[in-house]
Amino acid sequence: MAVSDAGDRRGSDYLQVQTTTDSRAEAMELARAAVEARLAACGQVAGPVASTYWWNDELERAEEWFVFLKTPADRYDELAAFLAERHSYDEPEIVATPIVSGSASFLSWIRDETRPRPASGESGTPRESGADEAAADEAAADEAAADEAARQAAEGQIRAE
């Protein structure tokens, strides 16, 4: 792992979005569909977990499965709408948590894997490889770091030197 890959901080440019379902099959399908649609770079399913909650003025208990999805923050609205449309619950849990730190290569991977791809038959730029891809990843990481520094400065989080 390169030194620059040790701990990139990009504020809330990336999110972990979670939802729960009442079956492993639905959780697996939501994860697969979100990744296939390139709304999330990866989907993870965990469970079962025991949930206790209020529903229709009654205390409920259920076994549920978590779905965790990694996505850029600018894709959240589309991912949330996608989950709400496909979810079996009337009021699904759709919660996003900022990824405040992560390796530059992992965060770049999230961005790369959630870019819309040209439809079949459309001309598109072939995926970069080797040194070109590494240079593009480094440039993207540098741009994101500069954006984060500007955001923090605007919020008064960085003291003027």
N, C-alpha and C. Protein backbone atom coordinates (compact mmCIF):
# COMPACT_ATOMS: atom_id res chain seq x y z
N MET A 1 0.86 -1.18 0.00
CA MET A 1 0.00 0.00 0.00
C MET A 1 0.89 1.23 0.00
N ALA A 2 0.62 2.15 -0.86
CA ALA A 2 1.40 3.39 -0.96
C ALA A 2 1.12 4.27 0.26
N VAL A 3 2.09 5.11 0.60
CA VAL A 3 1.94 6.01 1.74
C VAL A 3 0.70 6.88 1.58
N SER A 4 0.44 7.38 0.37
CA SER A 4 -0.71 8.24 0.15
C SER A 4 -2.02 7.48 0.28
N ASP A 5 -1.95 6.17 0.37
CA ASP A 5 -3.13 5.32 0.45
C ASP A 5 -3.50 5.00 1.90
N ALA A 6 -2.75 5.55 2.86
CA ALA A 6 -2.92 5.15 4.25
C ALA A 6 -4.16 5.70 4.93
N GLY A 7 -4.64 6.85 4.55
CA GLY A 7 -5.80 7.38 5.23
C GLY A 7 -6.30 8.67 4.62
N ASP A 8 -6.99 8.58 3.53
CA ASP A 8 -7.50 9.75 2.83
C ASP A 8 -8.76 10.24 3.54
N ARG A 9 -8.86 11.53 3.80
CA ARG A 9 -10.04 12.12 4.43
C ARG A 9 -10.78 12.96 3.40
N ARG A 10 -12.04 12.59 3.14
CA ARG A 10 -12.81 13.29 2.12
C ARG A 10 -14.18 13.70 2.63
N GLY A 11 -14.31 13.98 3.92
CA GLY A 11 -15.59 14.44 4.44
C GLY A 11 -16.69 13.46 4.13
N SER A 12 -17.77 13.96 3.59
CA SER A 12 -18.89 13.08 3.30
C SER A 12 -19.06 12.90 1.79
N ASP A 13 -17.97 12.82 1.06
CA ASP A 13 -18.04 12.56 -0.37
C ASP A 13 -18.49 11.13 -0.65
N TYR A 14 -18.36 10.26 0.35
CA TYR A 14 -18.74 8.86 0.21
C TYR A 14 -19.62 8.47 1.39
N LEU A 15 -20.54 7.53 1.14
CA LEU A 15 -21.49 7.11 2.17
C LEU A 15 -21.56 5.59 2.25
N GLN A 16 -21.91 5.13 3.45
CA GLN A 16 -22.36 3.75 3.61
C GLN A 16 -23.86 3.86 3.87
N VAL A 17 -24.64 3.29 3.00
CA VAL A 17 -26.10 3.33 3.10
C VAL A 17 -26.56 1.97 3.58
N GLN A 18 -27.48 1.98 4.54
CA GLN A 18 -27.98 0.71 5.04
C GLN A 18 -29.50 0.66 5.01
N THR A 19 -29.97 -0.55 4.87
CA THR A 19 -31.39 -0.84 4.98
C THR A 19 -31.51 -2.21 5.64
N THR A 20 -32.72 -2.57 6.02
CA THR A 20 -32.97 -3.90 6.57
C THR A 20 -34.15 -4.52 5.84
N THR A 21 -34.16 -5.84 5.81
CA THR A 21 -35.28 -6.58 5.20
C THR A 21 -35.63 -7.74 6.11
N ASP A 22 -36.78 -8.36 5.84
CA ASP A 22 -37.18 -9.48 6.68
C ASP A 22 -36.73 -10.83 6.13
N SER A 23 -35.96 -10.82 5.03
CA SER A 23 -35.45 -12.09 4.51
C SER A 23 -34.06 -11.91 3.92
N ARG A 24 -33.29 -12.97 4.02
CA ARG A 24 -31.95 -12.96 3.43
C ARG A 24 -32.06 -12.84 1.91
N ALA A 25 -33.04 -13.51 1.32
CA ALA A 25 -33.21 -13.47 -0.14
C ALA A 25 -33.45 -12.05 -0.63
N GLU A 26 -34.32 -11.29 0.04
CA GLU A 26 -34.56 -9.92 -0.37
C GLU A 26 -33.32 -9.06 -0.16
N ALA A 27 -32.61 -9.27 0.94
CA ALA A 27 -31.39 -8.51 1.20
C ALA A 27 -30.36 -8.76 0.09
N MET A 28 -30.17 -10.01 -0.27
CA MET A 28 -29.22 -10.35 -1.33
C MET A 28 -29.63 -9.73 -2.66
N GLU A 29 -30.92 -9.74 -2.96
CA GLU A 29 -31.42 -9.18 -4.22
C GLU A 29 -31.25 -7.66 -4.25
N LEU A 30 -31.55 -6.98 -3.14
CA LEU A 30 -31.36 -5.53 -3.10
C LEU A 30 -29.89 -5.17 -3.32
N ALA A 31 -28.99 -5.91 -2.65
CA ALA A 31 -27.55 -5.65 -2.80
C ALA A 31 -27.12 -5.89 -4.24
N ARG A 32 -27.53 -7.01 -4.83
CA ARG A 32 -27.16 -7.32 -6.20
C ARG A 32 -27.68 -6.27 -7.18
N ALA A 33 -28.94 -5.92 -7.04
CA ALA A 33 -29.56 -4.98 -7.97
C ALA A 33 -28.92 -3.59 -7.88
N ALA A 34 -28.61 -3.13 -6.68
CA ALA A 34 -27.99 -1.81 -6.52
C ALA A 34 -26.59 -1.78 -7.14
N VAL A 35 -25.83 -2.86 -6.95
CA VAL A 35 -24.49 -2.92 -7.54
C VAL A 35 -24.60 -3.05 -9.06
N GLU A 36 -25.49 -3.90 -9.52
CA GLU A 36 -25.67 -4.07 -10.97
C GLU A 36 -26.07 -2.75 -11.64
N ALA A 37 -26.88 -1.95 -10.96
CA ALA A 37 -27.31 -0.65 -11.49
C ALA A 37 -26.22 0.41 -11.33
N ARG A 38 -25.10 0.05 -10.73
CA ARG A 38 -23.97 0.96 -10.49
C ARG A 38 -24.33 2.12 -9.58
N LEU A 39 -25.30 1.89 -8.69
CA LEU A 39 -25.65 2.87 -7.68
C LEU A 39 -24.82 2.66 -6.42
N ALA A 40 -24.21 1.49 -6.30
CA ALA A 40 -23.32 1.17 -5.20
C ALA A 40 -22.16 0.37 -5.76
N ALA A 41 -20.98 0.59 -5.19
CA ALA A 41 -19.80 -0.15 -5.64
C ALA A 41 -19.81 -1.57 -5.08
N CYS A 42 -20.37 -1.73 -3.89
CA CYS A 42 -20.47 -3.06 -3.31
C CYS A 42 -21.66 -3.10 -2.37
N GLY A 43 -22.18 -4.29 -2.19
CA GLY A 43 -23.27 -4.51 -1.26
C GLY A 43 -22.91 -5.67 -0.36
N GLN A 44 -23.15 -5.50 0.91
CA GLN A 44 -22.86 -6.54 1.88
C GLN A 44 -24.14 -6.85 2.65
N VAL A 45 -24.33 -8.13 2.93
CA VAL A 45 -25.51 -8.57 3.67
C VAL A 45 -25.03 -9.21 4.96
N ALA A 46 -25.65 -8.84 6.07
CA ALA A 46 -25.30 -9.40 7.38
C ALA A 46 -26.58 -9.70 8.14
N GLY A 47 -26.51 -10.71 8.96
CA GLY A 47 -27.67 -11.02 9.78
C GLY A 47 -27.76 -12.51 10.02
N PRO A 48 -28.80 -12.90 10.63
CA PRO A 48 -29.93 -12.06 11.03
C PRO A 48 -29.64 -11.28 12.31
N VAL A 49 -30.41 -10.20 12.49
CA VAL A 49 -30.37 -9.41 13.71
C VAL A 49 -31.77 -9.38 14.28
N ALA A 50 -31.87 -9.23 15.60
CA ALA A 50 -33.17 -9.12 16.26
C ALA A 50 -33.53 -7.65 16.37
N SER A 51 -34.65 -7.27 15.77
CA SER A 51 -35.09 -5.87 15.77
C SER A 51 -36.35 -5.72 16.62
N THR A 52 -36.41 -4.61 17.35
CA THR A 52 -37.59 -4.25 18.13
C THR A 52 -37.94 -2.83 17.75
N TYR A 53 -39.22 -2.59 17.40
CA TYR A 53 -39.62 -1.28 16.91
C TYR A 53 -41.13 -1.10 17.05
N TRP A 54 -41.55 0.17 16.96
CA TRP A 54 -42.97 0.49 16.94
C TRP A 54 -43.48 0.48 15.51
N TRP A 55 -44.63 -0.16 15.28
CA TRP A 55 -45.28 -0.13 13.98
C TRP A 55 -46.78 -0.18 14.19
N ASN A 56 -47.48 0.80 13.66
CA ASN A 56 -48.94 0.90 13.81
C ASN A 56 -49.36 0.83 15.28
N ASP A 57 -48.67 1.60 16.12
CA ASP A 57 -48.95 1.70 17.55
C ASP A 57 -48.78 0.38 18.31
N GLU A 58 -48.04 -0.53 17.76
CA GLU A 58 -47.76 -1.79 18.45
C GLU A 58 -46.26 -2.03 18.47
N LEU A 59 -45.80 -2.59 19.57
CA LEU A 59 -44.40 -2.95 19.70
C LEU A 59 -44.17 -4.25 18.93
N GLU A 60 -43.26 -4.21 17.99
CA GLU A 60 -42.98 -5.37 17.13
C GLU A 60 -41.58 -5.89 17.39
N ARG A 61 -41.41 -7.18 17.15
CA ARG A 61 -40.09 -7.81 17.19
C ARG A 61 -39.98 -8.67 15.94
N ALA A 62 -38.83 -8.58 15.30
CA ALA A 62 -38.65 -9.34 14.06
C ALA A 62 -37.18 -9.69 13.84
N GLU A 63 -36.97 -10.71 13.05
CA GLU A 63 -35.64 -11.06 12.59
C GLU A 63 -35.44 -10.35 11.25
N GLU A 64 -34.34 -9.61 11.14
CA GLU A 64 -34.08 -8.86 9.92
C GLU A 64 -32.64 -9.09 9.45
N TRP A 65 -32.41 -8.67 8.22
CA TRP A 65 -31.10 -8.75 7.58
C TRP A 65 -30.66 -7.36 7.18
N PHE A 66 -29.41 -7.01 7.47
CA PHE A 66 -28.85 -5.73 7.07
C PHE A 66 -28.34 -5.80 5.62
N VAL A 67 -28.48 -4.71 4.91
CA VAL A 67 -27.84 -4.52 3.62
C VAL A 67 -27.02 -3.24 3.75
N PHE A 68 -25.70 -3.34 3.51
CA PHE A 68 -24.80 -2.20 3.55
C PHE A 68 -24.30 -1.93 2.14
N LEU A 69 -24.40 -0.69 1.70
CA LEU A 69 -24.01 -0.31 0.34
C LEU A 69 -23.05 0.87 0.40
N LYS A 70 -21.96 0.81 -0.37
CA LYS A 70 -21.00 1.92 -0.46
C LYS A 70 -21.25 2.69 -1.73
N THR A 71 -21.38 4.03 -1.61
CA THR A 71 -21.70 4.86 -2.77
C THR A 71 -21.15 6.26 -2.58
N PRO A 72 -20.90 6.97 -3.68
CA PRO A 72 -20.56 8.39 -3.55
C PRO A 72 -21.79 9.16 -3.06
N ALA A 73 -21.57 10.21 -2.30
CA ALA A 73 -22.68 11.00 -1.74
C ALA A 73 -23.58 11.55 -2.83
N ASP A 74 -23.00 11.90 -3.98
CA ASP A 74 -23.84 12.47 -5.04
C ASP A 74 -24.75 11.44 -5.72
N ARG A 75 -24.61 10.18 -5.37
CA ARG A 75 -25.51 9.14 -5.91
C ARG A 75 -26.56 8.71 -4.89
N TYR A 76 -26.54 9.33 -3.68
CA TYR A 76 -27.45 8.91 -2.61
C TYR A 76 -28.93 8.99 -3.01
N ASP A 77 -29.36 10.12 -3.54
CA ASP A 77 -30.78 10.28 -3.85
C ASP A 77 -31.28 9.21 -4.80
N GLU A 78 -30.46 8.92 -5.81
CA GLU A 78 -30.84 7.89 -6.78
C GLU A 78 -30.87 6.51 -6.13
N LEU A 79 -29.88 6.22 -5.28
CA LEU A 79 -29.85 4.93 -4.58
C LEU A 79 -31.03 4.81 -3.62
N ALA A 80 -31.34 5.86 -2.87
CA ALA A 80 -32.46 5.82 -1.92
C ALA A 80 -33.78 5.58 -2.66
N ALA A 81 -33.98 6.25 -3.78
CA ALA A 81 -35.21 6.06 -4.56
C ALA A 81 -35.27 4.63 -5.10
N PHE A 82 -34.15 4.11 -5.54
CA PHE A 82 -34.05 2.74 -6.05
C PHE A 82 -34.44 1.75 -4.96
N LEU A 83 -33.90 1.94 -3.75
CA LEU A 83 -34.22 1.03 -2.64
C LEU A 83 -35.69 1.13 -2.25
N ALA A 84 -36.20 2.35 -2.14
CA ALA A 84 -37.60 2.55 -1.74
C ALA A 84 -38.54 1.89 -2.75
N GLU A 85 -38.22 2.00 -4.02
CA GLU A 85 -39.07 1.42 -5.07
C GLU A 85 -39.11 -0.10 -5.01
N ARG A 86 -37.99 -0.72 -4.68
CA ARG A 86 -37.88 -2.18 -4.74
C ARG A 86 -38.10 -2.88 -3.40
N HIS A 87 -38.15 -2.12 -2.33
CA HIS A 87 -38.23 -2.69 -0.99
C HIS A 87 -39.63 -3.20 -0.69
N SER A 88 -39.72 -4.28 0.06
CA SER A 88 -41.03 -4.85 0.41
C SER A 88 -41.70 -4.12 1.57
N TYR A 89 -40.94 -3.36 2.36
CA TYR A 89 -41.52 -2.65 3.50
C TYR A 89 -42.28 -1.41 3.05
N ASP A 90 -43.34 -1.07 3.78
CA ASP A 90 -44.06 0.17 3.51
C ASP A 90 -43.18 1.38 3.81
N GLU A 91 -42.41 1.30 4.87
CA GLU A 91 -41.53 2.39 5.30
C GLU A 91 -40.14 1.82 5.58
N PRO A 92 -39.34 1.57 4.53
CA PRO A 92 -38.03 0.94 4.75
C PRO A 92 -37.04 1.88 5.42
N GLU A 93 -36.19 1.29 6.22
CA GLU A 93 -35.05 2.02 6.77
C GLU A 93 -34.08 2.27 5.61
N ILE A 94 -33.79 3.53 5.37
CA ILE A 94 -32.74 3.89 4.42
C ILE A 94 -31.94 4.99 5.11
N VAL A 95 -30.76 4.61 5.61
CA VAL A 95 -29.94 5.49 6.42
C VAL A 95 -28.56 5.58 5.80
N ALA A 96 -28.03 6.78 5.72
CA ALA A 96 -26.69 6.98 5.16
C ALA A 96 -25.76 7.51 6.24
N THR A 97 -24.60 6.92 6.32
CA THR A 97 -23.56 7.35 7.25
C THR A 97 -22.36 7.80 6.44
N PRO A 98 -21.83 9.00 6.72
CA PRO A 98 -20.66 9.47 5.97
C PRO A 98 -19.45 8.57 6.22
N ILE A 99 -18.70 8.32 5.18
CA ILE A 99 -17.40 7.67 5.32
C ILE A 99 -16.42 8.82 5.45
N VAL A 100 -15.92 9.05 6.65
CA VAL A 100 -15.08 10.22 6.90
C VAL A 100 -13.61 9.98 6.62
N SER A 101 -13.22 8.74 6.49
CA SER A 101 -11.84 8.43 6.19
C SER A 101 -11.78 7.07 5.54
N GLY A 102 -10.83 6.92 4.62
CA GLY A 102 -10.65 5.64 3.96
C GLY A 102 -9.45 5.70 3.05
N SER A 103 -9.00 4.54 2.60
CA SER A 103 -7.84 4.54 1.71
C SER A 103 -8.23 5.19 0.39
N ALA A 104 -7.32 5.95 -0.16
CA ALA A 104 -7.58 6.66 -1.42
C ALA A 104 -7.97 5.68 -2.52
N SER A 105 -7.30 4.52 -2.56
CA SER A 105 -7.60 3.57 -3.64
C SER A 105 -9.00 2.98 -3.47
N PHE A 106 -9.44 2.72 -2.24
CA PHE A 106 -10.78 2.18 -2.02
C PHE A 106 -11.84 3.22 -2.38
N LEU A 107 -11.64 4.45 -1.94
CA LEU A 107 -12.62 5.50 -2.25
C LEU A 107 -12.67 5.78 -3.75
N SER A 108 -11.53 5.76 -4.41
CA SER A 108 -11.53 5.92 -5.87
C SER A 108 -12.25 4.76 -6.54
N TRP A 109 -12.08 3.58 -6.01
CA TRP A 109 -12.77 2.40 -6.54
C TRP A 109 -14.28 2.58 -6.43
N ILE A 110 -14.75 3.09 -5.29
CA ILE A 110 -16.19 3.35 -5.13
C ILE A 110 -16.65 4.30 -6.23
N ARG A 111 -15.92 5.39 -6.44
CA ARG A 111 -16.29 6.37 -7.47
C ARG A 111 -16.29 5.71 -8.86
N ASP A 112 -15.22 4.98 -9.17
CA ASP A 112 -15.10 4.36 -10.50
C ASP A 112 -16.23 3.37 -10.78
N GLU A 113 -16.58 2.57 -9.79
CA GLU A 113 -17.56 1.51 -10.01
C GLU A 113 -19.00 2.00 -9.98
N THR A 114 -19.20 3.26 -9.64
CA THR A 114 -20.57 3.80 -9.64
C THR A 114 -20.77 4.84 -10.73
N ARG A 115 -19.81 4.98 -11.60
CA ARG A 115 -19.99 5.86 -12.76
C ARG A 115 -20.94 5.18 -13.73
N PRO A 116 -21.90 5.94 -14.24
CA PRO A 116 -22.78 5.34 -15.27
C PRO A 116 -21.94 4.89 -16.46
N ARG A 117 -22.24 3.75 -16.98
CA ARG A 117 -21.54 3.20 -18.14
C ARG A 117 -22.36 3.44 -19.40
N PRO A 118 -21.69 3.59 -20.54
CA PRO A 118 -22.44 3.73 -21.79
C PRO A 118 -23.29 2.49 -22.02
N ALA A 119 -24.46 2.70 -22.62
CA ALA A 119 -25.33 1.57 -22.95
C ALA A 119 -24.63 0.71 -23.99
N SER A 120 -25.01 -0.54 -24.05
CA SER A 120 -24.42 -1.46 -25.01
C SER A 120 -24.57 -0.90 -26.42
N GLY A 121 -23.49 -0.91 -27.17
CA GLY A 121 -23.52 -0.42 -28.53
C GLY A 121 -23.10 1.04 -28.65
N GLU A 122 -23.12 1.79 -27.52
CA GLU A 122 -22.68 3.18 -27.56
C GLU A 122 -21.17 3.22 -27.49
N SER A 123 -20.61 4.21 -28.12
CA SER A 123 -19.16 4.34 -28.03
C SER A 123 -18.82 4.98 -26.70
N GLY A 124 -17.80 4.48 -26.09
CA GLY A 124 -17.35 5.01 -24.81
C GLY A 124 -15.86 4.86 -24.71
N THR A 125 -15.28 5.56 -23.78
CA THR A 125 -13.86 5.46 -23.58
C THR A 125 -13.55 4.15 -22.89
N PRO A 126 -12.66 3.34 -23.44
CA PRO A 126 -12.31 2.10 -22.76
C PRO A 126 -11.67 2.40 -21.42
N ARG A 127 -11.83 1.51 -20.47
CA ARG A 127 -11.27 1.68 -19.14
C ARG A 127 -9.76 1.83 -19.24
N GLU A 128 -9.24 2.78 -18.50
CA GLU A 128 -7.80 3.01 -18.49
C GLU A 128 -7.13 1.83 -17.83
N SER A 129 -5.84 1.64 -18.11
CA SER A 129 -5.13 0.55 -17.47
C SER A 129 -3.75 1.01 -17.04
N GLY A 130 -3.15 0.24 -16.17
CA GLY A 130 -1.77 0.46 -15.76
C GLY A 130 -1.49 1.83 -15.22
N ALA A 131 -0.43 2.46 -15.75
CA ALA A 131 0.02 3.76 -15.27
C ALA A 131 -1.03 4.83 -15.48
N ASP A 132 -1.77 4.76 -16.60
CA ASP A 132 -2.82 5.76 -16.85
C ASP A 132 -3.89 5.72 -15.77
N GLU A 133 -4.31 4.51 -15.38
CA GLU A 133 -5.33 4.38 -14.34
C GLU A 133 -4.80 4.88 -13.00
N ALA A 134 -3.56 4.55 -12.67
CA ALA A 134 -2.97 5.01 -11.41
C ALA A 134 -2.87 6.53 -11.38
N ALA A 135 -2.48 7.13 -12.50
CA ALA A 135 -2.38 8.59 -12.56
C ALA A 135 -3.76 9.23 -12.42
N ALA A 136 -4.77 8.63 -13.06
CA ALA A 136 -6.14 9.15 -12.94
C ALA A 136 -6.63 9.04 -11.51
N ASP A 137 -6.34 7.91 -10.85
CA ASP A 137 -6.74 7.73 -9.45
C ASP A 137 -6.06 8.76 -8.55
N GLU A 138 -4.76 8.99 -8.78
CA GLU A 138 -4.04 9.96 -7.97
C GLU A 138 -4.58 11.37 -8.20
N ALA A 139 -4.89 11.72 -9.44
CA ALA A 139 -5.45 13.04 -9.74
C ALA A 139 -6.81 13.21 -9.07
N ALA A 140 -7.63 12.17 -9.11
CA ALA A 140 -8.95 12.23 -8.47
C ALA A 140 -8.81 12.38 -6.96
N ALA A 141 -7.85 11.67 -6.37
CA ALA A 141 -7.62 11.77 -4.93
C ALA A 141 -7.13 13.17 -4.56
N ASP A 142 -6.22 13.73 -5.38
CA ASP A 142 -5.72 15.09 -5.13
C ASP A 142 -6.85 16.11 -5.23
N GLU A 143 -7.70 15.97 -6.23
CA GLU A 143 -8.82 16.89 -6.42
C GLU A 143 -9.79 16.80 -5.24
N ALA A 144 -10.08 15.58 -4.79
CA ALA A 144 -10.98 15.40 -3.67
C ALA A 144 -10.39 15.99 -2.39
N ALA A 145 -9.08 15.82 -2.19
CA ALA A 145 -8.41 16.37 -1.00
C ALA A 145 -8.47 17.90 -1.02
N ALA A 146 -8.26 18.48 -2.20
CA ALA A 146 -8.33 19.94 -2.32
C ALA A 146 -9.75 20.44 -2.06
N ASP A 147 -10.74 19.72 -2.57
CA ASP A 147 -12.14 20.08 -2.33
C ASP A 147 -12.46 20.03 -0.84
N GLU A 148 -11.97 18.98 -0.15
CA GLU A 148 -12.24 18.83 1.28
C GLU A 148 -11.56 19.95 2.07
N ALA A 149 -10.32 20.29 1.71
CA ALA A 149 -9.61 21.38 2.40
C ALA A 149 -10.34 22.70 2.23
N ALA A 150 -10.87 22.94 1.02
CA ALA A 150 -11.62 24.17 0.77
C ALA A 150 -12.91 24.19 1.59
N ARG A 151 -13.57 23.04 1.69
CA ARG A 151 -14.81 22.96 2.47
C ARG A 151 -14.52 23.23 3.94
N GLN A 152 -13.47 22.62 4.47
CA GLN A 152 -13.12 22.82 5.87
C GLN A 152 -12.72 24.26 6.13
N ALA A 153 -11.97 24.85 5.21
CA ALA A 153 -11.56 26.25 5.38
C ALA A 153 -12.78 27.15 5.41
N ALA A 154 -13.74 26.87 4.53
CA ALA A 154 -14.97 27.66 4.48
C ALA A 154 -15.76 27.54 5.77
N GLU A 155 -15.65 26.41 6.41
CA GLU A 155 -16.37 26.19 7.66
C GLU A 155 -15.55 26.63 8.88
N GLY A 156 -14.35 27.15 8.63
CA GLY A 156 -13.50 27.61 9.73
C GLY A 156 -12.83 26.50 10.49
N GLN A 157 -12.74 25.32 9.88
CA GLN A 157 -12.14 24.17 10.56
C GLN A 157 -10.63 24.14 10.45
N ILE A 158 -10.09 24.91 9.51
CA ILE A 158 -8.64 24.96 9.34
C ILE A 158 -8.19 26.37 9.67
N ARG A 159 -7.23 26.51 10.54
CA ARG A 159 -6.72 27.82 10.92
C ARG A 159 -5.80 28.36 9.83
N ALA A 160 -5.89 29.65 9.60
CA ALA A 160 -5.00 30.30 8.63
C ALA A 160 -3.59 30.24 9.17
N GLU A 161 -2.62 30.03 8.29
CA GLU A 161 -1.24 29.95 8.74
C GLU A 161 -0.65 31.32 8.88
